[in-house]
PDB file of all heavy atoms in Angstrom:
ATOM      1  N   PHE A   1       3.127   0.742   8.476  1.00  0.00           N
ATOM      2  CA  PHE A   1       2.799   2.165   8.524  1.00  0.00           C
ATOM      3  C   PHE A   1       1.319   2.493   8.352  1.00  0.00           C
ATOM      4  O   PHE A   1       0.944   3.662   8.331  1.00  0.00           O
ATOM      5  CB  PHE A   1       3.636   2.930   7.488  1.00  0.00           C
ATOM      6  CG  PHE A   1       5.104   2.905   7.824  1.00  0.00           C
ATOM      7  CD1 PHE A   1       5.979   2.107   7.108  1.00  0.00           C
ATOM      8  CD2 PHE A   1       5.597   3.636   8.895  1.00  0.00           C
ATOM      9  CE1 PHE A   1       7.340   2.068   7.425  1.00  0.00           C
ATOM     10  CE2 PHE A   1       6.942   3.597   9.224  1.00  0.00           C
ATOM     11  CZ  PHE A   1       7.811   2.813   8.493  1.00  0.00           C
ATOM     12  N   ILE A   2       0.475   1.481   8.253  1.00  0.00           N
ATOM     13  CA  ILE A   2      -0.965   1.739   8.220  1.00  0.00           C
ATOM     14  C   ILE A   2      -1.392   2.127   9.631  1.00  0.00           C
ATOM     15  O   ILE A   2      -1.095   1.416  10.586  1.00  0.00           O
ATOM     16  CB  ILE A   2      -1.751   0.493   7.747  1.00  0.00           C
ATOM     17  CG1 ILE A   2      -1.512   0.253   6.257  1.00  0.00           C
ATOM     18  CG2 ILE A   2      -3.239   0.657   8.016  1.00  0.00           C
ATOM     19  CD1 ILE A   2      -2.207  -0.981   5.720  1.00  0.00           C
ATOM     20  N   THR A   3      -2.093   3.229   9.746  1.00  0.00           N
ATOM     21  CA  THR A   3      -2.500   3.692  11.072  1.00  0.00           C
ATOM     22  C   THR A   3      -3.900   3.226  11.444  1.00  0.00           C
ATOM     23  O   THR A   3      -4.233   3.185  12.622  1.00  0.00           O
ATOM     24  CB  THR A   3      -2.440   5.230  11.160  1.00  0.00           C
ATOM     25  OG1 THR A   3      -3.252   5.776  10.128  1.00  0.00           O
ATOM     26  CG2 THR A   3      -1.006   5.716  11.029  1.00  0.00           C
ATOM     27  N   GLN A   4      -4.719   2.899  10.447  1.00  0.00           N
ATOM     28  CA  GLN A   4      -6.073   2.404  10.723  1.00  0.00           C
ATOM     29  C   GLN A   4      -6.360   1.222   9.814  1.00  0.00           C
ATOM     30  O   GLN A   4      -6.050   1.257   8.621  1.00  0.00           O
ATOM     31  CB  GLN A   4      -7.116   3.487  10.470  1.00  0.00           C
ATOM     32  CG  GLN A   4      -7.028   4.648  11.437  1.00  0.00           C
ATOM     33  CD  GLN A   4      -8.085   5.689  11.118  1.00  0.00           C
ATOM     34  OE1 GLN A   4      -8.296   6.038   9.979  1.00  0.00           O
ATOM     35  NE2 GLN A   4      -8.742   6.174  12.156  1.00  0.00           N
ATOM     36  N   GLY A   5      -6.952   0.187  10.368  1.00  0.00           N
ATOM     37  CA  GLY A   5      -7.320  -0.972   9.571  1.00  0.00           C
ATOM     38  C   GLY A   5      -6.125  -1.862   9.273  1.00  0.00           C
ATOM     39  O   GLY A   5      -5.085  -1.786   9.925  1.00  0.00           O
ATOM     40  N   THR A   6      -6.305  -2.706   8.255  1.00  0.00           N
ATOM     41  CA  THR A   6      -5.269  -3.648   7.857  1.00  0.00           C
ATOM     42  C   THR A   6      -4.976  -3.467   6.372  1.00  0.00           C
ATOM     43  O   THR A   6      -5.680  -2.724   5.680  1.00  0.00           O
ATOM     44  CB  THR A   6      -5.713  -5.100   8.093  1.00  0.00           C
ATOM     45  OG1 THR A   6      -6.772  -5.421   7.169  1.00  0.00           O
ATOM     46  CG2 THR A   6      -6.186  -5.324   9.521  1.00  0.00           C
ATOM     47  N   ILE A   7      -3.998  -4.197   5.884  1.00  0.00           N
ATOM     48  CA  ILE A   7      -3.654  -4.124   4.462  1.00  0.00           C
ATOM     49  C   ILE A   7      -4.835  -4.572   3.595  1.00  0.00           C
ATOM     50  O   ILE A   7      -5.005  -4.103   2.478  1.00  0.00           O
ATOM     51  CB  ILE A   7      -2.368  -4.917   4.145  1.00  0.00           C
ATOM     52  CG1 ILE A   7      -1.871  -4.574   2.730  1.00  0.00           C
ATOM     53  CG2 ILE A   7      -2.579  -6.403   4.345  1.00  0.00           C
ATOM     54  CD1 ILE A   7      -0.478  -5.039   2.421  1.00  0.00           C
ATOM     55  N   ASP A   8      -5.675  -5.447   4.145  1.00  0.00           N
ATOM     56  CA  ASP A   8      -6.850  -5.903   3.396  1.00  0.00           C
ATOM     57  C   ASP A   8      -7.891  -4.804   3.232  1.00  0.00           C
ATOM     58  O   ASP A   8      -8.767  -4.904   2.362  1.00  0.00           O
ATOM     59  CB  ASP A   8      -7.482  -7.118   4.085  1.00  0.00           C
ATOM     60  CG  ASP A   8      -6.564  -8.321   4.062  1.00  0.00           C
ATOM     61  OD1 ASP A   8      -5.773  -8.464   3.105  1.00  0.00           O
ATOM     62  OD2 ASP A   8      -6.622  -9.131   5.017  1.00  0.00           O
ATOM     63  N   ASP A   9      -7.805  -3.770   4.049  1.00  0.00           N
ATOM     64  CA  ASP A   9      -8.730  -2.641   3.935  1.00  0.00           C
ATOM     65  C   ASP A   9      -8.294  -1.626   2.883  1.00  0.00           C
ATOM     66  O   ASP A   9      -9.062  -0.745   2.515  1.00  0.00           O
ATOM     67  CB  ASP A   9      -8.866  -1.927   5.294  1.00  0.00           C
ATOM     68  CG  ASP A   9      -9.445  -2.837   6.362  1.00  0.00           C
ATOM     69  OD1 ASP A   9     -10.324  -3.661   6.033  1.00  0.00           O
ATOM     70  OD2 ASP A   9      -9.006  -2.737   7.528  1.00  0.00           O
ATOM     71  N   VAL A  10      -7.056  -1.748   2.410  1.00  0.00           N
ATOM     72  CA  VAL A  10      -6.524  -0.836   1.396  1.00  0.00           C
ATOM     73  C   VAL A  10      -7.053  -1.285   0.039  1.00  0.00           C
ATOM     74  O   VAL A  10      -6.987  -2.456  -0.310  1.00  0.00           O
ATOM     75  CB  VAL A  10      -4.974  -0.833   1.401  1.00  0.00           C
ATOM     76  CG1 VAL A  10      -4.427   0.084   0.323  1.00  0.00           C
ATOM     77  CG2 VAL A  10      -4.453  -0.441   2.776  1.00  0.00           C
ATOM     78  N   GLY A  11      -7.593  -0.338  -0.732  1.00  0.00           N
ATOM     79  CA  GLY A  11      -8.109  -0.659  -2.054  1.00  0.00           C
ATOM     80  C   GLY A  11      -7.026  -1.212  -2.966  1.00  0.00           C
ATOM     81  O   GLY A  11      -5.842  -0.908  -2.795  1.00  0.00           O
ATOM     82  N   SER A  12      -7.422  -2.013  -3.932  1.00  0.00           N
ATOM     83  CA  SER A  12      -6.452  -2.657  -4.826  1.00  0.00           C
ATOM     84  C   SER A  12      -5.643  -1.658  -5.641  1.00  0.00           C
ATOM     85  O   SER A  12      -4.454  -1.864  -5.874  1.00  0.00           O
ATOM     86  CB  SER A  12      -7.161  -3.646  -5.752  1.00  0.00           C
ATOM     87  OG  SER A  12      -7.602  -4.763  -5.018  1.00  0.00           O
ATOM     88  N   VAL A  13      -6.278  -0.574  -6.094  1.00  0.00           N
ATOM     89  CA  VAL A  13      -5.535   0.432  -6.867  1.00  0.00           C
ATOM     90  C   VAL A  13      -4.513   1.116  -5.972  1.00  0.00           C
ATOM     91  O   VAL A  13      -3.342   1.257  -6.338  1.00  0.00           O
ATOM     92  CB  VAL A  13      -6.482   1.474  -7.510  1.00  0.00           C
ATOM     93  CG1 VAL A  13      -5.690   2.599  -8.159  1.00  0.00           C
ATOM     94  CG2 VAL A  13      -7.397   0.812  -8.526  1.00  0.00           C
ATOM     95  N   GLU A  14      -4.950   1.521  -4.792  1.00  0.00           N
ATOM     96  CA  GLU A  14      -4.059   2.182  -3.849  1.00  0.00           C
ATOM     97  C   GLU A  14      -2.904   1.254  -3.454  1.00  0.00           C
ATOM     98  O   GLU A  14      -1.748   1.673  -3.382  1.00  0.00           O
ATOM     99  CB  GLU A  14      -4.827   2.638  -2.609  1.00  0.00           C
ATOM    100  CG  GLU A  14      -5.809   3.761  -2.847  1.00  0.00           C
ATOM    101  CD  GLU A  14      -7.163   3.339  -3.401  1.00  0.00           C
ATOM    102  OE1 GLU A  14      -7.360   2.132  -3.715  1.00  0.00           O
ATOM    103  OE2 GLU A  14      -8.038   4.212  -3.550  1.00  0.00           O
ATOM    104  N   LYS A  15      -3.229  -0.013  -3.206  1.00  0.00           N
ATOM    105  CA  LYS A  15      -2.213  -0.988  -2.827  1.00  0.00           C
ATOM    106  C   LYS A  15      -1.206  -1.178  -3.957  1.00  0.00           C
ATOM    107  O   LYS A  15      -0.007  -1.274  -3.728  1.00  0.00           O
ATOM    108  CB  LYS A  15      -2.877  -2.320  -2.481  1.00  0.00           C
ATOM    109  CG  LYS A  15      -1.997  -3.270  -1.722  1.00  0.00           C
ATOM    110  CD  LYS A  15      -2.680  -4.606  -1.444  1.00  0.00           C
ATOM    111  CE  LYS A  15      -4.048  -4.466  -0.856  1.00  0.00           C
ATOM    112  NZ  LYS A  15      -4.739  -5.755  -0.699  1.00  0.00           N
ATOM    113  N   SER A  16      -1.700  -1.190  -5.198  1.00  0.00           N
ATOM    114  CA  SER A  16      -0.808  -1.354  -6.351  1.00  0.00           C
ATOM    115  C   SER A  16       0.134  -0.164  -6.494  1.00  0.00           C
ATOM    116  O   SER A  16       1.327  -0.333  -6.766  1.00  0.00           O
ATOM    117  CB  SER A  16      -1.632  -1.541  -7.623  1.00  0.00           C
ATOM    118  OG  SER A  16      -2.416  -2.710  -7.534  1.00  0.00           O
ATOM    119  N   ILE A  17      -0.388   1.040  -6.293  1.00  0.00           N
ATOM    120  CA  ILE A  17       0.447   2.246  -6.353  1.00  0.00           C
ATOM    121  C   ILE A  17       1.489   2.206  -5.243  1.00  0.00           C
ATOM    122  O   ILE A  17       2.673   2.483  -5.473  1.00  0.00           O
ATOM    123  CB  ILE A  17      -0.420   3.521  -6.269  1.00  0.00           C
ATOM    124  CG1 ILE A  17      -1.310   3.644  -7.520  1.00  0.00           C
ATOM    125  CG2 ILE A  17       0.455   4.770  -6.098  1.00  0.00           C
ATOM    126  CD1 ILE A  17      -2.393   4.701  -7.421  1.00  0.00           C
ATOM    127  N   LEU A  18       1.064   1.866  -4.037  1.00  0.00           N
ATOM    128  CA  LEU A  18       1.991   1.777  -2.910  1.00  0.00           C
ATOM    129  C   LEU A  18       3.072   0.725  -3.149  1.00  0.00           C
ATOM    130  O   LEU A  18       4.252   0.983  -2.907  1.00  0.00           O
ATOM    131  CB  LEU A  18       1.240   1.432  -1.623  1.00  0.00           C
ATOM    132  CG  LEU A  18       0.585   2.578  -0.891  1.00  0.00           C
ATOM    133  CD1 LEU A  18      -0.312   2.058   0.217  1.00  0.00           C
ATOM    134  CD2 LEU A  18       1.631   3.533  -0.339  1.00  0.00           C
ATOM    135  N   ARG A  19       2.668  -0.435  -3.619  1.00  0.00           N
ATOM    136  CA  ARG A  19       3.641  -1.506  -3.852  1.00  0.00           C
ATOM    137  C   ARG A  19       4.704  -1.077  -4.841  1.00  0.00           C
ATOM    138  O   ARG A  19       5.897  -1.306  -4.628  1.00  0.00           O
ATOM    139  CB  ARG A  19       2.934  -2.768  -4.340  1.00  0.00           C
ATOM    140  CG  ARG A  19       2.210  -3.516  -3.238  1.00  0.00           C
ATOM    141  CD  ARG A  19       1.404  -4.674  -3.780  1.00  0.00           C
ATOM    142  NE  ARG A  19       0.929  -5.537  -2.698  1.00  0.00           N
ATOM    143  CZ  ARG A  19      -0.032  -6.431  -2.852  1.00  0.00           C
ATOM    144  NH1 ARG A  19      -0.619  -6.598  -4.029  1.00  0.00           N
ATOM    145  NH2 ARG A  19      -0.404  -7.180  -1.830  1.00  0.00           N
ATOM    146  N   LEU A  20       4.273  -0.462  -5.922  1.00  0.00           N
ATOM    147  CA  LEU A  20       5.232  -0.008  -6.931  1.00  0.00           C
ATOM    148  C   LEU A  20       6.175   1.041  -6.344  1.00  0.00           C
ATOM    149  O   LEU A  20       7.396   0.945  -6.482  1.00  0.00           O
ATOM    150  CB  LEU A  20       4.505   0.548  -8.151  1.00  0.00           C
ATOM    151  CG  LEU A  20       5.399   1.181  -9.215  1.00  0.00           C
ATOM    152  CD1 LEU A  20       6.399   0.177  -9.762  1.00  0.00           C
ATOM    153  CD2 LEU A  20       4.545   1.749 -10.332  1.00  0.00           C
ATOM    154  N   ALA A  21       5.623   2.034  -5.680  1.00  0.00           N
ATOM    155  CA  ALA A  21       6.453   3.113  -5.135  1.00  0.00           C
ATOM    156  C   ALA A  21       7.411   2.594  -4.061  1.00  0.00           C
ATOM    157  O   ALA A  21       8.582   2.990  -4.026  1.00  0.00           O
ATOM    158  CB  ALA A  21       5.569   4.217  -4.566  1.00  0.00           C
ATOM    159  N   ILE A  22       6.934   1.705  -3.212  1.00  0.00           N
ATOM    160  CA  ILE A  22       7.797   1.160  -2.170  1.00  0.00           C
ATOM    161  C   ILE A  22       8.914   0.334  -2.794  1.00  0.00           C
ATOM    162  O   ILE A  22      10.066   0.416  -2.364  1.00  0.00           O
ATOM    163  CB  ILE A  22       6.984   0.335  -1.142  1.00  0.00           C
ATOM    164  CG1 ILE A  22       6.065   1.285  -0.354  1.00  0.00           C
ATOM    165  CG2 ILE A  22       7.907  -0.436  -0.197  1.00  0.00           C
ATOM    166  CD1 ILE A  22       4.993   0.584   0.468  1.00  0.00           C
ATOM    167  N   TYR A  23       8.582  -0.425  -3.825  1.00  0.00           N
ATOM    168  CA  TYR A  23       9.636  -1.168  -4.528  1.00  0.00           C
ATOM    169  C   TYR A  23      10.706  -0.202  -5.036  1.00  0.00           C
ATOM    170  O   TYR A  23      11.897  -0.421  -4.849  1.00  0.00           O
ATOM    171  CB  TYR A  23       9.065  -1.996  -5.687  1.00  0.00           C
ATOM    172  CG  TYR A  23      10.169  -2.563  -6.539  1.00  0.00           C
ATOM    173  CD1 TYR A  23      10.919  -3.647  -6.098  1.00  0.00           C
ATOM    174  CD2 TYR A  23      10.523  -1.966  -7.740  1.00  0.00           C
ATOM    175  CE1 TYR A  23      11.982  -4.134  -6.839  1.00  0.00           C
ATOM    176  CE2 TYR A  23      11.582  -2.446  -8.491  1.00  0.00           C
ATOM    177  CZ  TYR A  23      12.305  -3.523  -8.038  1.00  0.00           C
ATOM    178  OH  TYR A  23      13.372  -3.997  -8.765  1.00  0.00           O
ATOM    179  N   GLU A  24      10.265   0.870  -5.665  1.00  0.00           N
ATOM    180  CA  GLU A  24      11.225   1.839  -6.222  1.00  0.00           C
ATOM    181  C   GLU A  24      12.067   2.488  -5.121  1.00  0.00           C
ATOM    182  O   GLU A  24      13.265   2.692  -5.291  1.00  0.00           O
ATOM    183  CB  GLU A  24      10.499   2.900  -7.035  1.00  0.00           C
ATOM    184  CG  GLU A  24       9.940   2.368  -8.337  1.00  0.00           C
ATOM    185  CD  GLU A  24       9.394   3.459  -9.217  1.00  0.00           C
ATOM    186  OE1 GLU A  24       8.202   3.796  -9.090  1.00  0.00           O
ATOM    187  OE2 GLU A  24      10.167   3.980 -10.045  1.00  0.00           O
ATOM    188  N   ILE A  25      11.449   2.802  -3.992  1.00  0.00           N
ATOM    189  CA  ILE A  25      12.177   3.439  -2.894  1.00  0.00           C
ATOM    190  C   ILE A  25      13.204   2.483  -2.286  1.00  0.00           C
ATOM    191  O   ILE A  25      14.339   2.861  -2.024  1.00  0.00           O
ATOM    192  CB  ILE A  25      11.197   3.954  -1.807  1.00  0.00           C
ATOM    193  CG1 ILE A  25      10.432   5.164  -2.344  1.00  0.00           C
ATOM    194  CG2 ILE A  25      11.934   4.296  -0.516  1.00  0.00           C
ATOM    195  CD1 ILE A  25       9.265   5.602  -1.465  1.00  0.00           C
ATOM    196  N   LEU A  26      12.793   1.233  -2.079  1.00  0.00           N
ATOM    197  CA  LEU A  26      13.662   0.278  -1.387  1.00  0.00           C
ATOM    198  C   LEU A  26      14.697  -0.395  -2.278  1.00  0.00           C
ATOM    199  O   LEU A  26      15.787  -0.720  -1.810  1.00  0.00           O
ATOM    200  CB  LEU A  26      12.817  -0.812  -0.714  1.00  0.00           C
ATOM    201  CG  LEU A  26      11.855  -0.375   0.389  1.00  0.00           C
ATOM    202  CD1 LEU A  26      11.110  -1.585   0.936  1.00  0.00           C
ATOM    203  CD2 LEU A  26      12.582   0.358   1.501  1.00  0.00           C
TER     204      LEU A  26
END
């Protein structure tokens, strides 16, 4: 679902928030 760049372009804090939320959703 990233529309620009790659997962490596996502900041570590943002990636951590996303990972946690996606875990909770799934």
